[in-house]
């Protein structure tokens, strides 16, 4: 190396060392604040897993399956030490019942708001008219009832529901307003899969929370992460330290990442393979054998786990690959490990048939038939340089058309992507074919930084030039901060209109 270059390098090194010395306290503080959370081997698994009850329903005089959901305030002792945490739930103090309907049924849900503040309910993953979608334009006043109704017209799947008020979604979901919505159909029913709800077919709603000294939810955000609230305690169906008694040779776990910001990498403690049979939009075409499945906020996965008599494997989350490194990775939860749920196999297990290799054929969408290609760039707190505005329609899709979207995380912060109304198929990840676990129908997907995700979507049935659907990051602080856009589905030749100036509080029959 030339002498002059050596001197320049020595000067630069001196400057860096000086900065490190002067900022040593700050650096140590940053490292301390971003220490990984690790609960592996620390969870006692002292509490039986709570299984959300199936929501009761009735048929009305029009033959519609009717459910009732009451959003309400609550209090719960999560730690068993007498400290009561202020919460919210649907029909209870935390979370809500599991709604269940069959393809072809007309459903109606009476959403009653007893929170004392505005709220709404979005049917995450559901294909339905925009005015029934439960986005930020369908707000429900305190004391009011909103009664969306629609026909279920999509495959069997694990969906969920949660509030979607613009600017307050993170807060309301964090307090506990969420639940599962399961769809059934004849194709799924014909397969030899575990399906006895709460026995060998079990919802696993995973959420991270932090608690203050007085036992309240602590929503302090990590200043170094920029992704929202990361908790150090897991709740599974609202249970701390849960175990599940397993009495069959195979158990189907319907995993839902209902956290507001954290991404998980789920697997078993002994790295045994499991059968991935379904993702967001329903069953895969073929069973995929995995040892890990990554789920970002809002994503779901149906896995079938084989167990042996008397054993106690643990569902665990290992450090997820967030596509970033160093301090950014640590502060965003990329080095965290959690013991999630212990499976306690009985000494004698009821036999269960093997999981079939072939599941449900997937009708592939043709990207060559796309009417247009859109590019969505996620950066900062906006999409394509714009922050969410309730009175702006960002684009219109034409009914009965196919589109290709290229979605890119253009900064170094973790993001993901969720679109309302439709399920999509992933075409490529940074130009490469998607892995098998991403080969099915999806409505939410993790966005690795600087790796474009090409998806194909088809818009059918429902059109409305004025009432929009949303697309957004499902890290809820990002969503609340403006990383969201609106689109409408219009009939051929129809121009987009304008979103209503006031929220819709009315009843729908």
Protein backbone atom coordinates (compact mmCIF):
# COMPACT_ATOMS: atom_id res chain seq x y z
CA UNK A 1 0.00 0.00 0.00
CA UNK A 2 1.47 3.46 -0.89
CA UNK A 3 2.72 5.55 2.06
CA UNK A 4 0.13 8.29 1.48
CA UNK A 5 -2.70 5.79 1.48
CA UNK A 6 -1.40 4.32 4.73
CA UNK A 7 -1.45 7.77 6.35
CA UNK A 8 -5.02 8.35 5.15
CA UNK A 9 -6.09 4.97 6.50
CA UNK A 10 -4.37 5.68 9.87
CA UNK A 11 -6.20 9.01 10.10
CA UNK A 12 -9.53 7.37 9.32
CA UNK A 13 -8.88 4.66 11.87
CA UNK A 14 -8.02 7.31 14.44
CA UNK A 15 -11.26 9.14 13.76
CA UNK A 16 -13.31 5.96 14.07
CA UNK A 17 -11.56 4.97 17.31
CA UNK A 18 -12.14 8.43 18.71
CA UNK A 19 -15.81 8.30 17.87
CA UNK A 20 -16.11 4.86 19.43
CA UNK A 21 -14.35 6.00 22.61
CA UNK A 22 -16.46 9.13 22.91
CA UNK A 23 -19.62 7.21 22.09
CA UNK A 24 -18.74 4.11 24.01
CA UNK A 25 -21.47 4.61 26.53
CA UNK A 26 -24.05 4.99 23.80
CA UNK A 27 -22.76 1.94 21.95
CA UNK A 28 -22.88 -0.20 25.09
CA UNK A 29 -26.35 1.10 25.82
CA UNK A 30 -27.53 0.26 22.32
CA UNK A 31 -26.09 -3.25 22.57
CA UNK A 32 -27.76 -3.72 25.96
CA UNK A 33 -31.12 -2.49 24.72
CA UNK A 34 -30.96 -4.91 21.80
CA UNK A 35 -29.90 -7.99 23.74
CA UNK A 36 -31.71 -11.01 22.28
CA UNK A 37 -34.74 -12.34 24.09
CA UNK A 38 -34.29 -16.05 24.77
CA UNK A 39 -36.89 -18.10 26.64
CA UNK A 40 -35.67 -21.52 25.47
CA UNK A 41 -35.53 -23.79 28.50
CA UNK A 42 -37.03 -21.08 30.73
CA UNK A 43 -40.77 -21.67 30.19
CA UNK A 44 -42.42 -23.90 32.79
CA UNK A 45 -45.45 -24.88 30.65
CA UNK A 46 -47.72 -24.91 33.68
CA UNK A 47 -50.98 -23.91 31.99
CA UNK A 48 -53.24 -25.92 29.69
CA UNK A 49 -53.63 -24.23 26.33
CA UNK A 50 -56.88 -22.30 26.15
CA UNK A 51 -58.76 -23.21 22.97
CA UNK A 52 -61.05 -20.44 21.70
CA UNK A 53 -64.62 -21.75 21.67
CA UNK A 54 -66.43 -22.15 18.38
CA UNK A 55 -68.76 -19.17 18.03
CA UNK A 56 -72.42 -20.16 18.25
CA UNK A 57 -74.44 -19.38 15.16
CA UNK A 58 -78.01 -19.61 13.96
CA UNK A 59 -79.84 -19.59 10.63
CA UNK A 60 -82.11 -16.60 10.08
CA UNK A 61 -85.27 -16.49 7.96
CA UNK A 62 -83.16 -15.92 4.84
CA UNK A 63 -81.03 -18.98 5.49
CA UNK A 64 -77.98 -16.92 6.47
CA UNK A 65 -75.60 -18.20 9.14
CA UNK A 66 -75.61 -15.46 11.77
CA UNK A 67 -72.85 -14.81 14.30
CA UNK A 68 -72.74 -12.22 17.07
CA UNK A 69 -69.49 -10.49 18.09
CA UNK A 70 -69.37 -7.99 20.93
CA UNK A 71 -66.19 -5.91 21.19
CA UNK A 72 -65.68 -5.07 24.86
CA UNK A 73 -63.18 -4.02 27.48
CA UNK A 74 -61.81 -6.63 29.88
CA UNK A 75 -59.30 -7.52 32.57
CA UNK A 76 -57.19 -10.66 32.88
CA UNK A 77 -54.60 -12.11 35.24
CA UNK A 78 -52.06 -13.50 32.75
CA UNK A 79 -49.37 -14.35 35.30
CA UNK A 80 -51.51 -15.97 37.95
CA UNK A 81 -50.19 -13.53 40.54
CA UNK A 82 -53.30 -11.43 40.99
CA UNK A 83 -52.19 -8.53 38.81
CA UNK A 84 -55.04 -7.71 36.46
CA UNK A 85 -54.17 -6.45 32.99
CA UNK A 86 -56.53 -4.12 31.13
CA UNK A 87 -57.50 -5.91 27.91
CA UNK A 88 -60.12 -6.06 25.18
CA UNK A 89 -61.83 -8.96 23.47
CA UNK A 90 -64.83 -10.17 21.52
CA UNK A 91 -67.41 -11.61 23.87
CA UNK A 92 -64.78 -12.00 26.60
CA UNK A 93 -61.77 -10.35 28.16
CA UNK A 94 -59.17 -11.32 25.51
CA UNK A 95 -59.33 -12.53 21.89
CA UNK A 96 -62.59 -13.89 20.51
CA UNK A 97 -64.36 -17.10 19.52
CA UNK A 98 -63.55 -19.01 16.35
CA UNK A 99 -66.08 -18.38 13.61
CA UNK A 100 -66.63 -21.29 11.25
CA UNK A 101 -68.55 -21.43 7.97
CA UNK A 102 -68.69 -23.56 4.84
CA UNK A 103 -68.07 -22.54 1.26
CA UNK A 104 -71.35 -21.52 -0.36
CA UNK A 105 -72.97 -20.32 2.85
CA UNK A 106 -74.29 -16.80 3.25
CA UNK A 107 -73.03 -15.40 6.54
CA UNK A 108 -73.95 -12.36 8.60
CA UNK A 109 -71.94 -11.10 11.55
CA UNK A 110 -73.51 -8.66 14.01
CA UNK A 111 -70.58 -6.62 15.33
CA UNK A 112 -71.61 -4.73 18.47
CA UNK A 113 -69.21 -2.06 19.72
CA UNK A 114 -69.16 -1.83 23.53
CA UNK A 115 -65.56 -0.56 23.74
CA UNK A 116 -66.35 3.09 24.40
CA UNK A 117 -64.35 4.10 21.30
CA UNK A 118 -64.69 3.61 17.56
CA UNK A 119 -63.63 0.25 16.16
CA UNK A 120 -64.36 -2.11 13.28
CA UNK A 121 -63.62 -5.70 12.22
CA UNK A 122 -61.65 -6.71 9.12
CA UNK A 123 -62.05 -10.27 7.84
CA UNK A 124 -58.40 -10.93 7.03
CA UNK A 125 -58.03 -13.18 3.98
CA UNK A 126 -61.72 -13.15 3.06
CA UNK A 127 -62.98 -12.56 -0.48
CA UNK A 128 -66.02 -10.28 -0.09
CA UNK A 129 -67.48 -6.92 -1.19
CA UNK A 130 -65.52 -3.83 -0.14
CA UNK A 131 -68.42 -2.49 1.94
CA UNK A 132 -68.31 -5.68 4.02
CA UNK A 133 -64.51 -5.84 4.29
CA UNK A 134 -64.14 -3.98 7.57
CA UNK A 135 -61.45 -1.59 6.44
CA UNK A 136 -60.98 1.91 7.84
CA UNK A 137 -64.07 3.18 5.95
CA UNK A 138 -66.39 0.83 7.88
CA UNK A 139 -66.07 2.25 11.37
CA UNK A 140 -68.54 1.41 14.14
CA UNK A 141 -69.44 4.04 16.71
CA UNK A 142 -69.57 3.17 20.43
CA UNK A 143 -72.87 1.47 21.14
CA UNK A 144 -73.63 0.85 17.45
CA UNK A 145 -73.97 -2.42 15.54
CA UNK A 146 -72.54 -3.18 12.09
CA UNK A 147 -73.91 -6.26 10.33
CA UNK A 148 -71.97 -7.18 7.19
CA UNK A 149 -73.28 -10.10 5.13
CA UNK A 150 -71.65 -11.97 2.26
CA UNK A 151 -71.45 -15.36 0.57
CA UNK A 152 -68.40 -17.46 1.34
CA UNK A 153 -66.85 -18.26 -2.03
CA UNK A 154 -63.32 -19.50 -1.53
CA UNK A 155 -61.54 -22.72 -0.53
CA UNK A 156 -61.24 -24.11 2.98
CA UNK A 157 -58.68 -22.00 4.85
CA UNK A 158 -57.51 -20.58 8.16
CA UNK A 159 -58.45 -16.90 8.18
CA UNK A 160 -58.72 -14.43 11.04
CA UNK A 161 -60.43 -11.21 12.07
CA UNK A 162 -59.19 -8.08 13.82
CA UNK A 163 -59.87 -4.32 14.02
CA UNK A 164 -58.65 -2.05 11.22
CA UNK A 165 -59.19 1.60 12.32
CA UNK A 166 -56.63 3.79 10.60
CA UNK A 167 -54.13 5.05 13.17
CA UNK A 168 -55.37 2.78 15.98
CA UNK A 169 -55.05 -0.79 14.64
CA UNK A 170 -51.86 -1.60 16.56
CA UNK A 171 -53.35 -0.43 19.86
CA UNK A 172 -56.62 -2.36 19.53
CA UNK A 173 -55.00 -5.59 18.33
CA UNK A 174 -52.37 -5.33 21.08
CA UNK A 175 -55.11 -5.12 23.69
CA UNK A 176 -56.51 -8.43 22.44
CA UNK A 177 -59.09 -7.84 19.71
CA UNK A 178 -58.57 -10.75 17.31
CA UNK A 179 -59.88 -14.22 16.51
CA UNK A 180 -59.87 -17.01 13.92
CA UNK A 181 -62.34 -17.55 11.09
CA UNK A 182 -62.20 -21.09 9.65
CA UNK A 183 -63.64 -22.02 6.26
CA UNK A 184 -64.57 -25.56 5.26
CA UNK A 185 -65.29 -27.16 1.89
CA UNK A 186 -65.91 -30.61 0.45
CA UNK A 187 -62.39 -31.04 -0.99
CA UNK A 188 -60.73 -30.52 2.37
CA UNK A 189 -63.32 -32.71 4.12
CA UNK A 190 -62.49 -35.63 1.78
CA UNK A 191 -58.82 -35.71 2.83
CA UNK A 192 -57.52 -37.82 5.76
CA UNK A 193 -56.41 -34.81 7.82
CA UNK A 194 -56.96 -34.22 11.54
CA UNK A 195 -60.13 -32.14 11.89
CA UNK A 196 -61.68 -32.51 15.35
CA UNK A 197 -61.59 -28.93 16.59
CA UNK A 198 -59.72 -28.47 19.84
CA UNK A 199 -58.60 -32.11 19.94
CA UNK A 200 -56.39 -32.92 16.95
CA UNK A 201 -57.10 -29.71 14.99
CA UNK A 202 -56.05 -26.82 17.18
CA UNK A 203 -55.79 -23.05 16.67
CA UNK A 204 -52.44 -21.64 17.81
CA UNK A 205 -52.67 -17.83 17.96
CA UNK A 206 -49.21 -16.53 18.84
CA UNK A 207 -48.68 -13.00 20.19
CA UNK A 208 -45.78 -11.35 21.97
CA UNK A 209 -46.38 -8.95 24.84
CA UNK A 210 -44.40 -7.01 27.42
CA UNK A 211 -45.76 -6.24 30.86
CA UNK A 212 -45.11 -3.30 33.16
CA UNK A 213 -44.32 -3.73 36.84
CA UNK A 214 -48.01 -3.32 37.63
CA UNK A 215 -48.98 -6.04 35.16
CA UNK A 216 -50.23 -3.79 32.34
CA UNK A 217 -49.35 -4.23 28.68
CA UNK A 218 -46.20 -2.23 28.00
CA UNK A 219 -46.20 -0.77 24.49
CA UNK A 220 -42.76 0.80 24.65
CA UNK A 221 -41.20 0.64 21.20
CA UNK A 222 -37.55 -0.22 20.67
CA UNK A 223 -36.02 3.04 19.42
CA UNK A 224 -33.39 1.15 17.40
CA UNK A 225 -35.78 -1.18 15.56
CA UNK A 226 -38.36 1.10 13.98
CA UNK A 227 -40.88 -1.72 13.55
CA UNK A 228 -43.21 -1.35 16.52
CA UNK A 229 -43.57 -3.18 19.82
CA UNK A 230 -41.56 -6.36 20.46
CA UNK A 231 -42.58 -8.22 23.60
CA UNK A 232 -40.55 -10.61 25.73
CA UNK A 233 -43.46 -12.87 26.77
CA UNK A 234 -45.50 -15.06 24.44
CA UNK A 235 -49.24 -15.56 24.72
CA UNK A 236 -50.68 -18.53 22.85
CA UNK A 237 -54.45 -18.27 22.59
CA UNK A 238 -54.00 -15.84 25.48
CA UNK A 239 -52.17 -18.44 27.61
CA UNK A 240 -48.73 -17.92 29.17
CA UNK A 241 -46.56 -21.05 29.34
CA UNK A 242 -49.08 -23.34 27.60
CA UNK A 243 -49.12 -27.08 27.06
CA UNK A 244 -51.43 -29.12 24.84
CA UNK A 245 -52.49 -32.64 25.74
CA UNK A 246 -52.20 -34.71 22.55
CA UNK A 247 -54.12 -37.97 22.37
CA UNK A 248 -53.70 -38.84 18.69
CA UNK A 249 -50.67 -39.86 16.64
CA UNK A 250 -50.90 -36.65 14.63
CA UNK A 251 -52.04 -33.17 15.52
CA UNK A 252 -52.87 -30.33 13.16
CA UNK A 253 -51.74 -26.94 14.41
CA UNK A 254 -53.24 -23.88 12.73
CA UNK A 255 -50.50 -21.33 13.34
CA UNK A 256 -51.43 -17.66 13.25
CA UNK A 257 -48.88 -14.90 13.80
CA UNK A 258 -51.20 -12.35 15.43
CA UNK A 259 -48.31 -10.26 16.77
CA UNK A 260 -48.20 -6.62 15.78
CA UNK A 261 -44.54 -6.53 14.65
CA UNK A 262 -42.62 -9.75 15.40
CA UNK A 263 -41.69 -12.40 12.83
CA UNK A 264 -41.31 -16.03 13.99
CA UNK A 265 -39.52 -19.08 12.64
CA UNK A 266 -41.56 -22.01 13.92
CA UNK A 267 -40.28 -25.56 14.30
CA UNK A 268 -40.00 -28.39 16.82
CA UNK A 269 -37.39 -28.47 19.57
CA UNK A 270 -35.79 -31.65 18.22
CA UNK A 271 -35.86 -30.42 14.60
CA UNK A 272 -38.20 -33.21 13.53
CA UNK A 273 -39.87 -32.55 10.18
CA UNK A 274 -43.53 -31.65 10.06
CA UNK A 275 -46.05 -31.63 7.22
CA UNK A 276 -46.98 -28.19 5.94
CA UNK A 277 -50.42 -28.67 4.40
CA UNK A 278 -51.79 -25.14 4.14
CA UNK A 279 -50.93 -21.45 4.13
CA UNK A 280 -52.97 -18.22 4.14
CA UNK A 281 -55.47 -19.06 1.41
CA UNK A 282 -55.95 -22.76 2.04
CA UNK A 283 -54.40 -26.14 1.36
CA UNK A 284 -51.32 -26.58 -0.80
CA UNK A 285 -51.35 -28.74 -3.91
CA UNK A 286 -48.82 -31.08 -2.29
CA UNK A 287 -47.67 -31.63 1.27
CA UNK A 288 -44.32 -30.00 1.97
CA UNK A 289 -42.02 -31.52 4.60
CA UNK A 290 -40.16 -28.84 6.57
CA UNK A 291 -38.35 -28.33 9.85
CA UNK A 292 -39.03 -24.55 9.96
CA UNK A 293 -41.68 -22.17 8.68
CA UNK A 294 -41.29 -18.40 8.89
CA UNK A 295 -44.41 -16.35 9.58
CA UNK A 296 -44.51 -12.56 9.61
CA UNK A 297 -47.43 -10.68 11.21
CA UNK A 298 -50.75 -11.78 9.72
CA UNK A 299 -49.46 -14.96 8.04
CA UNK A 300 -50.87 -18.42 8.76
CA UNK A 301 -49.64 -21.98 8.30
CA UNK A 302 -51.34 -25.33 8.88
CA UNK A 303 -48.86 -27.97 9.99
CA UNK A 304 -49.36 -31.60 10.99
CA UNK A 305 -46.97 -32.93 13.64
CA UNK A 306 -46.32 -36.62 14.31
CA UNK A 307 -45.92 -37.51 17.99
CA UNK A 308 -44.91 -40.65 19.87
CA UNK A 309 -46.48 -41.94 23.09
CA UNK A 310 -45.32 -40.19 26.25
CA UNK A 311 -43.02 -37.61 24.62
CA UNK A 312 -43.05 -33.85 25.15
CA UNK A 313 -41.69 -31.96 22.15
CA UNK A 314 -41.87 -28.18 22.16
CA UNK A 315 -43.05 -25.87 19.42
CA UNK A 316 -40.25 -23.31 19.27
CA UNK A 317 -39.40 -20.13 17.37
CA UNK A 318 -35.75 -19.86 16.37
CA UNK A 319 -34.10 -16.62 15.13
CA UNK A 320 -35.91 -15.69 11.90
CA UNK A 321 -34.06 -14.66 8.77
CA UNK A 322 -35.06 -11.01 8.33
CA UNK A 323 -32.61 -10.30 5.53
CA UNK A 324 -30.68 -7.79 7.63
CA UNK A 325 -27.62 -8.07 9.87
CA UNK A 326 -25.83 -6.58 12.84
CA UNK A 327 -27.55 -4.30 15.31
CA UNK A 328 -30.54 -3.87 12.98
CA UNK A 329 -31.18 -7.62 13.02
CA UNK A 330 -30.92 -7.83 16.80
CA UNK A 331 -33.16 -4.83 17.44
CA UNK A 332 -35.83 -6.17 15.05
CA UNK A 333 -36.04 -9.55 16.84
CA UNK A 334 -33.87 -11.44 14.39
CA UNK A 335 -31.77 -13.00 17.18
CA UNK A 336 -34.66 -13.90 19.52
CA UNK A 337 -35.70 -17.44 20.51
CA UNK A 338 -38.92 -18.54 22.19
CA UNK A 339 -40.36 -21.73 23.57
CA UNK A 340 -43.96 -21.46 22.36
CA UNK A 341 -46.05 -24.53 23.22
CA UNK A 342 -45.33 -27.92 24.75
CA UNK A 343 -47.02 -30.94 23.18
CA UNK A 344 -47.74 -33.57 25.85
CA UNK A 345 -48.39 -36.88 24.16
CA UNK A 346 -50.47 -39.40 26.09
CA UNK A 347 -49.01 -42.81 26.88
CA UNK A 348 -51.51 -44.33 24.47
CA UNK A 349 -52.35 -42.49 21.27
CA UNK A 350 -55.32 -42.98 18.99
CA UNK A 351 -54.20 -43.98 15.49
CA UNK A 352 -54.29 -41.38 12.72
CA UNK A 353 -53.85 -41.91 8.99
CA UNK A 354 -50.70 -40.58 7.33
CA UNK A 355 -50.87 -37.17 5.72
CA UNK A 356 -51.40 -37.59 1.97
CA UNK A 357 -48.79 -36.28 -0.44
CA UNK A 358 -51.44 -34.90 -2.80
CA UNK A 359 -53.81 -32.36 -1.33
CA UNK A 360 -55.89 -29.91 -3.40
CA UNK A 361 -55.02 -28.98 -7.00
CA UNK A 362 -54.14 -25.30 -7.37
CA UNK A 363 -55.46 -23.45 -10.39
CA UNK A 364 -52.46 -21.42 -11.47
CA UNK A 365 -53.02 -17.84 -12.57
CA UNK A 366 -51.40 -16.91 -15.88
CA UNK A 367 -49.11 -13.88 -15.59
CA UNK A 368 -49.05 -13.72 -19.38
CA UNK A 369 -52.72 -12.71 -19.28
CA UNK A 370 -52.05 -9.77 -16.96
CA UNK A 371 -53.75 -6.54 -18.00
CA UNK A 372 -51.09 -4.50 -16.23
CA UNK A 373 -48.00 -4.71 -14.05
CA UNK A 374 -47.82 -2.50 -10.96
CA UNK A 375 -44.77 -1.67 -8.89
CA UNK A 376 -45.14 -1.01 -5.16
CA UNK A 377 -42.08 0.23 -3.29
CA UNK A 378 -42.17 0.12 0.51
CA UNK A 379 -39.87 2.71 2.04
CA UNK A 380 -39.95 4.62 5.33
CA UNK A 381 -43.64 4.92 6.22
CA UNK A 382 -45.04 5.11 2.72
CA UNK A 383 -45.65 3.18 -0.49
CA UNK A 384 -44.34 4.65 -3.73
CA UNK A 385 -43.41 7.77 -1.79
CA UNK A 386 -46.95 8.39 -0.56
CA UNK A 387 -48.50 8.08 2.86
CA UNK A 388 -52.03 6.75 3.27
CA UNK A 389 -54.89 9.21 2.70
CA UNK A 390 -58.47 8.18 3.34
CA UNK A 391 -59.77 10.40 0.52
CA UNK A 392 -57.36 9.16 -2.18
CA UNK A 393 -57.84 6.11 -4.40
CA UNK A 394 -54.39 5.03 -5.53
CA UNK A 395 -55.50 2.90 -8.47
CA UNK A 396 -58.36 0.88 -9.91
CA UNK A 397 -58.35 -2.78 -10.94
CA UNK A 398 -60.88 -4.01 -13.47
CA UNK A 399 -63.26 -6.79 -12.51
CA UNK A 400 -62.43 -10.15 -14.12
CA UNK A 401 -58.87 -9.05 -14.87
CA UNK A 402 -55.47 -10.44 -13.88
CA UNK A 403 -52.60 -8.23 -12.72
CA UNK A 404 -48.93 -8.71 -11.81
CA UNK A 405 -47.56 -6.67 -8.91
CA UNK A 406 -43.87 -6.28 -8.12
CA UNK A 407 -43.59 -5.50 -4.41
CA UNK A 408 -40.24 -4.35 -3.04
CA UNK A 409 -38.94 -3.49 0.41
CA UNK A 410 -36.66 -0.62 -0.60
CA UNK A 411 -35.14 0.12 2.82
CA UNK A 412 -33.33 -1.88 5.49
CA UNK A 413 -36.30 -2.12 7.85
CA UNK A 414 -38.40 -5.32 7.95
CA UNK A 415 -41.76 -4.98 6.19
CA UNK A 416 -44.39 -7.33 4.92
CA UNK A 417 -47.28 -7.03 2.50
CA UNK A 418 -51.00 -7.75 2.84
CA UNK A 419 -53.74 -7.16 0.29
CA UNK A 420 -57.48 -7.23 0.96
CA UNK A 421 -60.16 -9.07 -1.05
CA UNK A 422 -57.95 -11.45 -3.06
CA UNK A 423 -55.49 -14.22 -2.52
CA UNK A 424 -52.41 -14.11 -4.73
CA UNK A 425 -49.76 -16.49 -6.05
CA UNK A 426 -46.06 -15.77 -5.75
CA UNK A 427 -44.22 -15.82 -9.09
CA UNK A 428 -40.65 -15.11 -7.98
CA UNK A 429 -38.42 -13.89 -5.18
CA UNK A 430 -35.65 -11.64 -6.49
CA UNK A 431 -36.02 -13.31 -9.86
CA UNK A 432 -35.85 -16.89 -8.53
CA UNK A 433 -38.73 -19.37 -8.25
CA UNK A 434 -40.45 -19.31 -4.84
CA UNK A 435 -39.81 -22.15 -2.38
CA UNK A 436 -42.52 -24.83 -2.08
CA UNK A 437 -43.88 -23.37 1.18
CA UNK A 438 -44.77 -20.20 -0.72
CA UNK A 439 -46.34 -22.04 -3.63
CA UNK A 440 -49.96 -21.83 -2.50
CA UNK A 441 -52.52 -19.05 -2.14
CA UNK A 442 -51.29 -16.15 -0.02
CA UNK A 443 -52.67 -12.84 1.21
CA UNK A 444 -49.69 -11.79 3.37
CA UNK A 445 -45.98 -12.22 2.71
CA UNK A 446 -42.69 -11.16 4.27
CA UNK A 447 -40.68 -8.66 2.21
CA UNK A 448 -36.92 -9.23 2.48
CA UNK A 449 -35.06 -5.96 1.96
CA UNK A 450 -34.12 -5.21 -1.65
CA UNK A 451 -35.50 -8.52 -3.00
CA UNK A 452 -38.49 -7.85 -5.28
CA UNK A 453 -41.46 -10.19 -4.88
CA UNK A 454 -43.55 -10.68 -8.04
CA UNK A 455 -47.11 -11.80 -7.41
CA UNK A 456 -50.10 -12.46 -9.65
CA UNK A 457 -53.67 -11.59 -8.63
CA UNK A 458 -57.11 -11.90 -10.20
CA UNK A 459 -60.03 -9.65 -9.32
CA UNK A 460 -63.47 -11.24 -9.62
CA UNK A 461 -67.08 -10.80 -8.57
CA UNK A 462 -67.10 -7.67 -6.44
CA UNK A 463 -66.81 -4.17 -7.86
CA UNK A 464 -67.48 -0.75 -6.37
CA UNK A 465 -65.93 2.46 -7.76
CA UNK A 466 -66.16 4.32 -4.45
CA UNK A 467 -65.44 1.90 -1.62
CA UNK A 468 -61.80 0.80 -1.60
CA UNK A 469 -59.85 -2.19 -0.42
CA UNK A 470 -56.48 -1.77 1.32
CA UNK A 471 -52.95 -2.94 0.63
CA UNK A 472 -50.36 -2.31 3.32
CA UNK A 473 -47.55 -3.43 5.55
CA UNK A 474 -48.97 -5.66 8.28
CA UNK A 475 -46.45 -4.51 10.85
CA UNK A 476 -49.24 -2.57 12.47
CA UNK A 477 -47.24 0.47 13.57
CA UNK A 478 -46.12 0.90 9.98
CA UNK A 479 -49.72 0.54 8.80
CA UNK A 480 -50.95 3.09 11.33
CA UNK A 481 -48.12 5.44 10.35
CA UNK A 482 -49.22 5.54 6.71
CA UNK A 483 -47.66 2.52 4.95
CA UNK A 484 -50.97 1.71 3.30
CA UNK A 485 -52.79 2.41 0.05
CA UNK A 486 -56.29 2.02 -1.37
CA UNK A 487 -57.60 0.49 -4.58
CA UNK A 488 -61.06 -0.06 -6.01
CA UNK A 489 -62.35 -2.77 -8.31
CA UNK A 490 -64.41 -1.31 -11.16
CA UNK A 491 -66.47 -2.77 -13.98
CA UNK A 492 -64.91 -2.67 -17.47
CA UNK A 493 -64.90 0.90 -18.74
CA UNK A 494 -65.90 2.34 -15.36
CA UNK A 495 -63.87 5.14 -13.77
CA UNK A 496 -62.91 5.11 -10.09
CA UNK A 497 -65.01 7.33 -7.87
CA UNK A 498 -64.22 8.88 -4.52
CA UNK A 499 -64.21 7.31 -1.05
CA UNK A 500 -67.03 8.49 1.23
CA UNK A 501 -66.24 11.54 3.34
CA UNK A 502 -67.64 9.94 6.47
CA UNK A 503 -67.23 6.49 7.94
CA UNK A 504 -70.04 3.98 7.46
CA UNK A 505 -71.72 3.07 10.74
CA UNK A 506 -74.86 1.53 9.29
CA UNK A 507 -76.47 -1.87 9.23
CA UNK A 508 -76.32 -3.92 6.01
CA UNK A 509 -79.07 -6.28 4.93
